[in-house]
Every structure is written in C-alpha cells, then in structure tokens.
C-alpha cells in the first residue's frame, strides 16, 4: 500500500495517509491497555480489594436502584465523592420544590 503511495502520490499525501492509518492503531492499542473496571459486575470481595488503601472519597460504593421509567433494579456504582455530589444536588432540587412560592399549578397567591 505504501509502495503504491510512493509511486503515484506526493510526499505530503503519503505522510497524511500514514498518519491517518497510524493514529487509530495507536489509539486502539492505548485503549486496550488502559484498565477498565466494571464495578457493577464486581463481587463485594472484589470491591473491598479495589477500595483497600484508597482515600474514602475515591472509594467505590454500589447500590441497587431503579432508574427513572424502569421497574428493574440495577446496581449503580459511583465513587463516594460522586454519591455526595449526587445527594447534594437532590437535596437542592427537593429544597427548591418545597419553597413557599412553588406549586405544581404555578406561583401561589398571597
């Protein structure tokens, strides 16, 4: 393929062709070597081993939850830090809905 490139095309085109072929190859190899963790499928013992020695906020915590518009429970795993932020956002949302001016039918009259 590259020999045909040398015979028929300019040097700039050959370089671009090589780069366009090598870049996906390098990215594919890098993505295969990066550690991928599927926490939802880990056992409790595997999660304990994974969390050992990690700071508390970086540890993974899993909880069975029903996603919105589904009746099937699934295991949702996040870092403790992500759970804290999720709970803070939920409390802020609930607080906004419980404010005195909020109503499902619009603003309440005095």
Foldseek 3Di string as FASTA:
>chain_A
DLVVCVVPHDPVVSVVVVCVVVVVVVVVVVVVPDDDDDPQPDDPVVLVVVQPPPPQQQRKDWDWDADPPGPDTGIDIDGNVVVVVVVVVVVVVVVVCPDQQHDPVHGDDD
